[in-house]
Amino acid sequence: MKKLPKLEYKLVLFLAYIIVIFISIFKYGYKSALYIHLIFVIIFSIFYFGIKFLYIAIAPIMAIFGLINTFVIKIILRKYNKNIPKETAIILGYPDRTKLEGWIKPDIIYNELKDLLNYLEKKESNFSFYTKATLEDVENIMQNNLIKEVYLFGHGSSHTFQLTNDVYVYYCDFIDEKYRKDFIHQVHCGTKHGKSLIDYVVSKENQEKCFLIRKPINGITIKNEFKKRTKELKSY
């Protein structure tokens, strides 16, 4: 006897959903069926689109928060060096306000930045921020021998950094001795696969001291990491 093909579980769920809709129409009316449909759409969207659906669902709030967040960051950074080559460079991702994502998806949150600043100051680092860097700026930073340590703070993966919306730094572009750094810190999401910038430009003995988390992270993860590093400084 020929074995029947196994149905995909998503198809089974969809068929169950259709059956529930029809039962609701005949038993409770069209209004109840519509409510069930809307609940299904929300659950499906969260499952399928994840955090992106959340951004869209609360887009007006995110847009207002994004403007306030950008303003607060500008105030925080007023007293610090910007766009000047120092021993430590912090490249910040920034929003492109001509893109929808630039309004509803902040690159960094001000309180995460404050924890980084607290760590750098306790460490007595000589640092400078790059708040609206271009790809050319990143190239110059990576080639500059005066700069020994680089933080890439925003969105990305193990192999890329989102400089701004639709503009990405690809870490494989830096496979050359002229880009060598003592430390690289990828303060953004990671992935299990893909070579990091750390793999390309940092010596083996220093790689464990670099910030790289090979999974999606959030602000709590970033804050906890810098608080831990600050605490370790105090213990010496």
C-alpha atoms as a PDB file:
ATOM      1  CA  MET A   1       0.000   0.000   0.000  1.00  0.00           C
ATOM      2  CA  LYS A   2       1.365   3.405  -0.984  1.00  0.00           C
ATOM      3  CA  LYS A   3       2.228   5.592   2.011  1.00  0.00           C
ATOM      4  CA  LEU A   4       0.332   8.889   2.122  1.00  0.00           C
ATOM      5  CA  PRO A   5       2.473  12.047   2.228  1.00  0.00           C
ATOM      6  CA  LYS A   6       2.786  13.655   5.648  1.00  0.00           C
ATOM      7  CA  LEU A   7       1.009  17.000   5.984  1.00  0.00           C
ATOM      8  CA  GLU A   8       3.109  19.981   7.005  1.00  0.00           C
ATOM      9  CA  TYR A   9       2.227  21.062  10.556  1.00  0.00           C
ATOM     10  CA  LYS A  10       1.591  24.645   9.390  1.00  0.00           C
ATOM     11  CA  LEU A  11      -1.033  23.365   6.955  1.00  0.00           C
ATOM     12  CA  VAL A  12      -2.698  21.375   9.758  1.00  0.00           C
ATOM     13  CA  LEU A  13      -2.856  24.511  11.914  1.00  0.00           C
ATOM     14  CA  PHE A  14      -4.241  26.533   9.010  1.00  0.00           C
ATOM     15  CA  LEU A  15      -6.966  23.973   8.301  1.00  0.00           C
ATOM     16  CA  ALA A  16      -7.862  23.905  12.015  1.00  0.00           C
ATOM     17  CA  TYR A  17      -8.091  27.708  11.950  1.00  0.00           C
ATOM     18  CA  ILE A  18     -10.431  27.611   8.898  1.00  0.00           C
ATOM     19  CA  ILE A  19     -12.668  25.035  10.634  1.00  0.00           C
ATOM     20  CA  VAL A  20     -12.832  27.187  13.781  1.00  0.00           C
ATOM     21  CA  ILE A  21     -13.784  30.240  11.682  1.00  0.00           C
ATOM     22  CA  PHE A  22     -16.649  28.397   9.947  1.00  0.00           C
ATOM     23  CA  ILE A  23     -17.930  26.924  13.217  1.00  0.00           C
ATOM     24  CA  SER A  24     -17.855  30.412  14.770  1.00  0.00           C
ATOM     25  CA  ILE A  25     -19.835  31.884  11.858  1.00  0.00           C
ATOM     26  CA  PHE A  26     -22.625  29.311  12.122  1.00  0.00           C
ATOM     27  CA  LYS A  27     -22.690  29.078  15.914  1.00  0.00           C
ATOM     28  CA  TYR A  28     -21.879  32.606  17.130  1.00  0.00           C
ATOM     29  CA  GLY A  29     -22.163  34.872  14.084  1.00  0.00           C
ATOM     30  CA  TYR A  30     -19.868  36.866  11.833  1.00  0.00           C
ATOM     31  CA  LYS A  31     -18.705  39.259  14.562  1.00  0.00           C
ATOM     32  CA  SER A  32     -17.261  36.457  16.712  1.00  0.00           C
ATOM     33  CA  ALA A  33     -15.574  34.956  13.649  1.00  0.00           C
ATOM     34  CA  LEU A  34     -13.996  38.338  12.886  1.00  0.00           C
ATOM     35  CA  TYR A  35     -12.628  38.611  16.438  1.00  0.00           C
ATOM     36  CA  ILE A  36     -11.155  35.109  16.194  1.00  0.00           C
ATOM     37  CA  HIS A  37      -9.604  36.016  12.851  1.00  0.00           C
ATOM     38  CA  LEU A  38      -8.012  39.190  14.303  1.00  0.00           C
ATOM     39  CA  ILE A  39      -6.615  37.235  17.266  1.00  0.00           C
ATOM     40  CA  PHE A  40      -5.165  34.685  14.850  1.00  0.00           C
ATOM     41  CA  VAL A  41      -3.596  37.461  12.739  1.00  0.00           C
ATOM     42  CA  ILE A  42      -1.927  38.975  15.824  1.00  0.00           C
ATOM     43  CA  ILE A  43      -0.612  35.605  17.055  1.00  0.00           C
ATOM     44  CA  PHE A  44       0.603  34.672  13.565  1.00  0.00           C
ATOM     45  CA  SER A  45       2.287  38.082  13.107  1.00  0.00           C
ATOM     46  CA  ILE A  46       4.112  37.832  16.423  1.00  0.00           C
ATOM     47  CA  PHE A  47       5.240  34.288  15.583  1.00  0.00           C
ATOM     48  CA  TYR A  48       6.237  35.081  11.984  1.00  0.00           C
ATOM     49  CA  PHE A  49       7.567  38.636  12.197  1.00  0.00           C
ATOM     50  CA  GLY A  50       8.673  38.675  15.849  1.00  0.00           C
ATOM     51  CA  ILE A  51      10.019  41.996  17.145  1.00  0.00           C
ATOM     52  CA  LYS A  52       9.297  43.718  13.806  1.00  0.00           C
ATOM     53  CA  PHE A  53       5.574  43.240  14.368  1.00  0.00           C
ATOM     54  CA  LEU A  54       5.924  44.774  17.821  1.00  0.00           C
ATOM     55  CA  TYR A  55       7.680  47.804  16.324  1.00  0.00           C
ATOM     56  CA  ILE A  56       4.803  48.291  13.876  1.00  0.00           C
ATOM     57  CA  ALA A  57       2.113  47.686  16.525  1.00  0.00           C
ATOM     58  CA  ILE A  58       3.467  50.461  18.749  1.00  0.00           C
ATOM     59  CA  ALA A  59       4.931  52.573  15.937  1.00  0.00           C
ATOM     60  CA  PRO A  60       3.548  55.963  17.135  1.00  0.00           C
ATOM     61  CA  ILE A  61       5.039  55.456  20.596  1.00  0.00           C
ATOM     62  CA  MET A  62       8.356  54.264  19.134  1.00  0.00           C
ATOM     63  CA  ALA A  63       8.533  57.291  16.821  1.00  0.00           C
ATOM     64  CA  ILE A  64       8.098  59.730  19.716  1.00  0.00           C
ATOM     65  CA  PHE A  65      10.461  57.763  21.944  1.00  0.00           C
ATOM     66  CA  GLY A  66      13.025  57.647  19.132  1.00  0.00           C
ATOM     67  CA  LEU A  67      13.108  61.438  18.852  1.00  0.00           C
ATOM     68  CA  ILE A  68      13.417  61.869  22.626  1.00  0.00           C
ATOM     69  CA  ASN A  69      16.073  59.141  22.790  1.00  0.00           C
ATOM     70  CA  THR A  70      18.149  60.819  20.035  1.00  0.00           C
ATOM     71  CA  PHE A  71      17.882  64.187  21.813  1.00  0.00           C
ATOM     72  CA  VAL A  72      18.972  62.691  25.164  1.00  0.00           C
ATOM     73  CA  ILE A  73      21.938  60.937  23.518  1.00  0.00           C
ATOM     74  CA  LYS A  74      23.055  64.246  21.972  1.00  0.00           C
ATOM     75  CA  ILE A  75      22.949  65.875  25.418  1.00  0.00           C
ATOM     76  CA  ILE A  76      24.881  62.992  27.019  1.00  0.00           C
ATOM     77  CA  LEU A  77      27.607  63.145  24.361  1.00  0.00           C
ATOM     78  CA  ARG A  78      28.047  66.935  24.390  1.00  0.00           C
ATOM     79  CA  LYS A  79      31.066  66.883  26.695  1.00  0.00           C
ATOM     80  CA  TYR A  80      32.882  64.013  24.952  1.00  0.00           C
ATOM     81  CA  ASN A  81      35.255  63.947  21.973  1.00  0.00           C
ATOM     82  CA  LYS A  82      33.602  63.311  18.642  1.00  0.00           C
ATOM     83  CA  ASN A  83      35.106  62.347  15.281  1.00  0.00           C
ATOM     84  CA  ILE A  84      38.678  62.763  16.609  1.00  0.00           C
ATOM     85  CA  PRO A  85      41.083  59.793  16.398  1.00  0.00           C
ATOM     86  CA  LYS A  86      41.787  58.582  19.933  1.00  0.00           C
ATOM     87  CA  GLU A  87      43.047  55.286  21.322  1.00  0.00           C
ATOM     88  CA  THR A  88      39.452  54.028  21.575  1.00  0.00           C
ATOM     89  CA  ALA A  89      36.798  54.708  18.916  1.00  0.00           C
ATOM     90  CA  ILE A  90      33.076  54.151  19.510  1.00  0.00           C
ATOM     91  CA  ILE A  91      31.105  53.922  16.263  1.00  0.00           C
ATOM     92  CA  LEU A  92      27.399  54.402  16.929  1.00  0.00           C
ATOM     93  CA  GLY A  93      24.661  53.200  14.607  1.00  0.00           C
ATOM     94  CA  TYR A  94      22.235  56.006  13.795  1.00  0.00           C
ATOM     95  CA  PRO A  95      18.751  56.309  12.263  1.00  0.00           C
ATOM     96  CA  ASP A  96      18.051  57.410   8.716  1.00  0.00           C
ATOM     97  CA  ARG A  97      14.903  59.509   9.134  1.00  0.00           C
ATOM     98  CA  THR A  98      14.050  59.100   5.441  1.00  0.00           C
ATOM     99  CA  LYS A  99      13.319  55.406   6.143  1.00  0.00           C
ATOM    100  CA  LEU A 100      10.411  53.980   8.178  1.00  0.00           C
ATOM    101  CA  GLU A 101      12.796  51.810  10.209  1.00  0.00           C
ATOM    102  CA  GLY A 102      14.665  54.969  11.205  1.00  0.00           C
ATOM    103  CA  TRP A 103      11.578  56.106  13.118  1.00  0.00           C
ATOM    104  CA  ILE A 104      10.452  52.884  14.790  1.00  0.00           C
ATOM    105  CA  LYS A 105      13.687  50.976  15.499  1.00  0.00           C
ATOM    106  CA  PRO A 106      16.239  52.799  17.692  1.00  0.00           C
ATOM    107  CA  ASP A 107      19.870  51.806  17.130  1.00  0.00           C
ATOM    108  CA  ILE A 108      20.901  52.394  20.731  1.00  0.00           C
ATOM    109  CA  ILE A 109      19.105  53.423  23.904  1.00  0.00           C
ATOM    110  CA  TYR A 110      20.521  56.234  26.037  1.00  0.00           C
ATOM    111  CA  ASN A 111      20.746  54.178  29.265  1.00  0.00           C
ATOM    112  CA  GLU A 112      22.800  51.475  27.496  1.00  0.00           C
ATOM    113  CA  LEU A 113      25.154  54.227  26.346  1.00  0.00           C
ATOM    114  CA  LYS A 114      25.469  55.539  29.916  1.00  0.00           C
ATOM    115  CA  ASP A 115      26.633  52.110  31.128  1.00  0.00           C
ATOM    116  CA  LEU A 116      29.259  52.033  28.386  1.00  0.00           C
ATOM    117  CA  LEU A 117      30.419  55.538  29.337  1.00  0.00           C
ATOM    118  CA  ASN A 118      30.606  54.587  33.001  1.00  0.00           C
ATOM    119  CA  TYR A 119      32.805  51.620  32.068  1.00  0.00           C
ATOM    120  CA  LEU A 120      35.111  53.659  29.795  1.00  0.00           C
ATOM    121  CA  GLU A 121      35.540  56.391  32.394  1.00  0.00           C
ATOM    122  CA  LYS A 122      36.310  53.912  35.168  1.00  0.00           C
ATOM    123  CA  LYS A 123      38.803  52.290  32.812  1.00  0.00           C
ATOM    124  CA  GLU A 124      40.279  55.768  32.121  1.00  0.00           C
ATOM    125  CA  SER A 125      40.119  55.178  28.382  1.00  0.00           C
ATOM    126  CA  ASN A 126      41.062  57.904  25.925  1.00  0.00           C
ATOM    127  CA  PHE A 127      38.036  57.690  23.636  1.00  0.00           C
ATOM    128  CA  SER A 128      36.073  59.444  20.924  1.00  0.00           C
ATOM    129  CA  PHE A 129      32.577  58.909  19.517  1.00  0.00           C
ATOM    130  CA  TYR A 130      31.652  58.670  15.852  1.00  0.00           C
ATOM    131  CA  THR A 131      27.940  59.464  15.763  1.00  0.00           C
ATOM    132  CA  LYS A 132      27.252  59.650  12.014  1.00  0.00           C
ATOM    133  CA  ALA A 133      30.099  57.701  10.485  1.00  0.00           C
ATOM    134  CA  THR A 134      30.152  56.817   6.801  1.00  0.00           C
ATOM    135  CA  LEU A 135      31.662  53.667   5.298  1.00  0.00           C
ATOM    136  CA  GLU A 136      34.702  55.780   4.431  1.00  0.00           C
ATOM    137  CA  ASP A 137      34.984  56.893   8.068  1.00  0.00           C
ATOM    138  CA  VAL A 138      34.920  53.250   9.210  1.00  0.00           C
ATOM    139  CA  GLU A 139      37.658  52.445   6.696  1.00  0.00           C
ATOM    140  CA  ASN A 140      39.798  55.320   8.052  1.00  0.00           C
ATOM    141  CA  ILE A 141      39.200  54.270  11.655  1.00  0.00           C
ATOM    142  CA  MET A 142      40.225  50.706  10.925  1.00  0.00           C
ATOM    143  CA  GLN A 143      43.381  51.820   9.097  1.00  0.00           C
ATOM    144  CA  ASN A 144      44.440  54.351  11.738  1.00  0.00           C
ATOM    145  CA  ASN A 145      47.269  52.884  13.856  1.00  0.00           C
ATOM    146  CA  LEU A 146      46.584  55.397  16.631  1.00  0.00           C
ATOM    147  CA  ILE A 147      43.210  53.701  17.253  1.00  0.00           C
ATOM    148  CA  LYS A 148      43.783  50.454  19.146  1.00  0.00           C
ATOM    149  CA  GLU A 149      40.263  49.567  20.260  1.00  0.00           C
ATOM    150  CA  VAL A 150      36.934  49.897  18.416  1.00  0.00           C
ATOM    151  CA  TYR A 151      33.351  49.563  19.648  1.00  0.00           C
ATOM    152  CA  LEU A 152      30.576  49.012  17.077  1.00  0.00           C
ATOM    153  CA  PHE A 153      27.356  49.839  18.915  1.00  0.00           C
ATOM    154  CA  GLY A 154      23.929  49.338  17.313  1.00  0.00           C
ATOM    155  CA  HIS A 155      22.345  46.597  15.205  1.00  0.00           C
ATOM    156  CA  GLY A 156      24.085  43.829  13.321  1.00  0.00           C
ATOM    157  CA  SER A 157      25.026  40.180  13.146  1.00  0.00           C
ATOM    158  CA  SER A 158      28.266  38.313  13.765  1.00  0.00           C
ATOM    159  CA  HIS A 159      29.421  39.278  10.265  1.00  0.00           C
ATOM    160  CA  THR A 160      27.832  42.708   9.702  1.00  0.00           C
ATOM    161  CA  PHE A 161      27.163  46.042  11.397  1.00  0.00           C
ATOM    162  CA  GLN A 162      24.235  48.278  10.453  1.00  0.00           C
ATOM    163  CA  LEU A 163      25.838  51.694  10.244  1.00  0.00           C
ATOM    164  CA  THR A 164      22.468  53.233   9.416  1.00  0.00           C
ATOM    165  CA  ASN A 165      19.346  51.901   7.732  1.00  0.00           C
ATOM    166  CA  ASP A 166      20.288  50.004   4.545  1.00  0.00           C
ATOM    167  CA  VAL A 167      24.018  50.835   4.997  1.00  0.00           C
ATOM    168  CA  TYR A 168      26.052  47.905   6.294  1.00  0.00           C
ATOM    169  CA  VAL A 169      29.665  47.316   7.244  1.00  0.00           C
ATOM    170  CA  TYR A 170      30.718  43.837   6.096  1.00  0.00           C
ATOM    171  CA  TYR A 171      33.460  42.536   8.332  1.00  0.00           C
ATOM    172  CA  CYS A 172      35.023  40.399   5.603  1.00  0.00           C
ATOM    173  CA  ASP A 173      36.125  43.670   3.950  1.00  0.00           C
ATOM    174  CA  PHE A 174      38.831  43.963   6.614  1.00  0.00           C
ATOM    175  CA  ILE A 175      40.912  40.850   5.904  1.00  0.00           C
ATOM    176  CA  ASP A 176      44.267  42.608   5.863  1.00  0.00           C
ATOM    177  CA  GLU A 177      47.097  43.244   8.312  1.00  0.00           C
ATOM    178  CA  LYS A 178      46.648  47.010   7.952  1.00  0.00           C
ATOM    179  CA  TYR A 179      43.389  46.728   9.914  1.00  0.00           C
ATOM    180  CA  ARG A 180      44.856  45.028  12.996  1.00  0.00           C
ATOM    181  CA  LYS A 181      43.410  46.166  16.330  1.00  0.00           C
ATOM    182  CA  ASP A 182      44.089  45.225  19.929  1.00  0.00           C
ATOM    183  CA  PHE A 183      40.380  44.878  20.692  1.00  0.00           C
ATOM    184  CA  ILE A 184      37.093  44.956  18.796  1.00  0.00           C
ATOM    185  CA  HIS A 185      33.730  45.029  20.573  1.00  0.00           C
ATOM    186  CA  GLN A 186      30.643  44.111  18.551  1.00  0.00           C
ATOM    187  CA  VAL A 187      27.939  45.564  20.804  1.00  0.00           C
ATOM    188  CA  HIS A 188      25.044  44.245  18.762  1.00  0.00           C
ATOM    189  CA  CYS A 189      23.256  40.985  18.057  1.00  0.00           C
ATOM    190  CA  GLY A 190      25.270  38.030  16.847  1.00  0.00           C
ATOM    191  CA  THR A 191      24.596  34.826  14.953  1.00  0.00           C
ATOM    192  CA  LYS A 192      25.952  31.307  15.400  1.00  0.00           C
ATOM    193  CA  HIS A 193      27.572  31.361  11.974  1.00  0.00           C
ATOM    194  CA  GLY A 194      29.692  33.914  10.132  1.00  0.00           C
ATOM    195  CA  LYS A 195      33.162  35.267  10.903  1.00  0.00           C
ATOM    196  CA  SER A 196      33.251  38.287  13.166  1.00  0.00           C
ATOM    197  CA  LEU A 197      35.454  41.345  12.809  1.00  0.00           C
ATOM    198  CA  ILE A 198      37.221  40.055  15.910  1.00  0.00           C
ATOM    199  CA  ASP A 199      38.184  36.894  14.029  1.00  0.00           C
ATOM    200  CA  TYR A 200      39.726  38.984  11.250  1.00  0.00           C
ATOM    201  CA  VAL A 201      41.668  41.698  13.070  1.00  0.00           C
ATOM    202  CA  VAL A 202      42.276  40.751  16.731  1.00  0.00           C
ATOM    203  CA  SER A 203      45.054  38.447  17.928  1.00  0.00           C
ATOM    204  CA  LYS A 204      44.001  35.102  19.414  1.00  0.00           C
ATOM    205  CA  GLU A 205      45.159  36.006  22.923  1.00  0.00           C
ATOM    206  CA  ASN A 206      42.912  39.104  23.002  1.00  0.00           C
ATOM    207  CA  GLN A 207      39.768  37.690  21.401  1.00  0.00           C
ATOM    208  CA  GLU A 208      38.240  36.422  24.652  1.00  0.00           C
ATOM    209  CA  LYS A 209      38.363  39.966  26.068  1.00  0.00           C
ATOM    210  CA  CYS A 210      36.250  41.323  23.203  1.00  0.00           C
ATOM    211  CA  PHE A 211      32.484  41.833  23.309  1.00  0.00           C
ATOM    212  CA  LEU A 212      30.809  39.290  21.029  1.00  0.00           C
ATOM    213  CA  ILE A 213      27.605  37.422  21.787  1.00  0.00           C
ATOM    214  CA  ARG A 214      26.568  34.983  19.064  1.00  0.00           C
ATOM    215  CA  LYS A 215      22.806  35.295  19.527  1.00  0.00           C
ATOM    216  CA  PRO A 216      20.154  38.042  19.514  1.00  0.00           C
ATOM    217  CA  ILE A 217      20.628  40.390  22.469  1.00  0.00           C
ATOM    218  CA  ASN A 218      18.719  43.283  24.004  1.00  0.00           C
ATOM    219  CA  GLY A 219      19.423  46.322  26.152  1.00  0.00           C
ATOM    220  CA  ILE A 220      19.393  44.295  29.371  1.00  0.00           C
ATOM    221  CA  THR A 221      22.166  42.038  28.029  1.00  0.00           C
ATOM    222  CA  ILE A 222      24.271  45.075  27.060  1.00  0.00           C
ATOM    223  CA  LYS A 223      23.746  46.830  30.388  1.00  0.00           C
ATOM    224  CA  ASN A 224      24.584  43.688  32.374  1.00  0.00           C
ATOM    225  CA  GLU A 225      27.746  43.084  30.345  1.00  0.00           C
ATOM    226  CA  PHE A 226      29.140  46.579  30.929  1.00  0.00           C
ATOM    227  CA  LYS A 227      28.133  46.549  34.594  1.00  0.00           C
ATOM    228  CA  LYS A 228      29.991  43.246  34.964  1.00  0.00           C
ATOM    229  CA  ARG A 229      33.079  44.662  33.240  1.00  0.00           C
ATOM    230  CA  THR A 230      32.951  47.777  35.452  1.00  0.00           C
ATOM    231  CA  LYS A 231      32.709  45.609  38.551  1.00  0.00           C
ATOM    232  CA  GLU A 232      35.715  43.578  37.394  1.00  0.00           C
ATOM    233  CA  LEU A 233      37.724  46.818  37.066  1.00  0.00           C
ATOM    234  CA  LYS A 234      36.933  47.717  40.665  1.00  0.00           C
ATOM    235  CA  SER A 235      38.116  44.312  41.897  1.00  0.00           C
ATOM    236  CA  TYR A 236      41.711  44.932  40.716  1.00  0.00           C
END
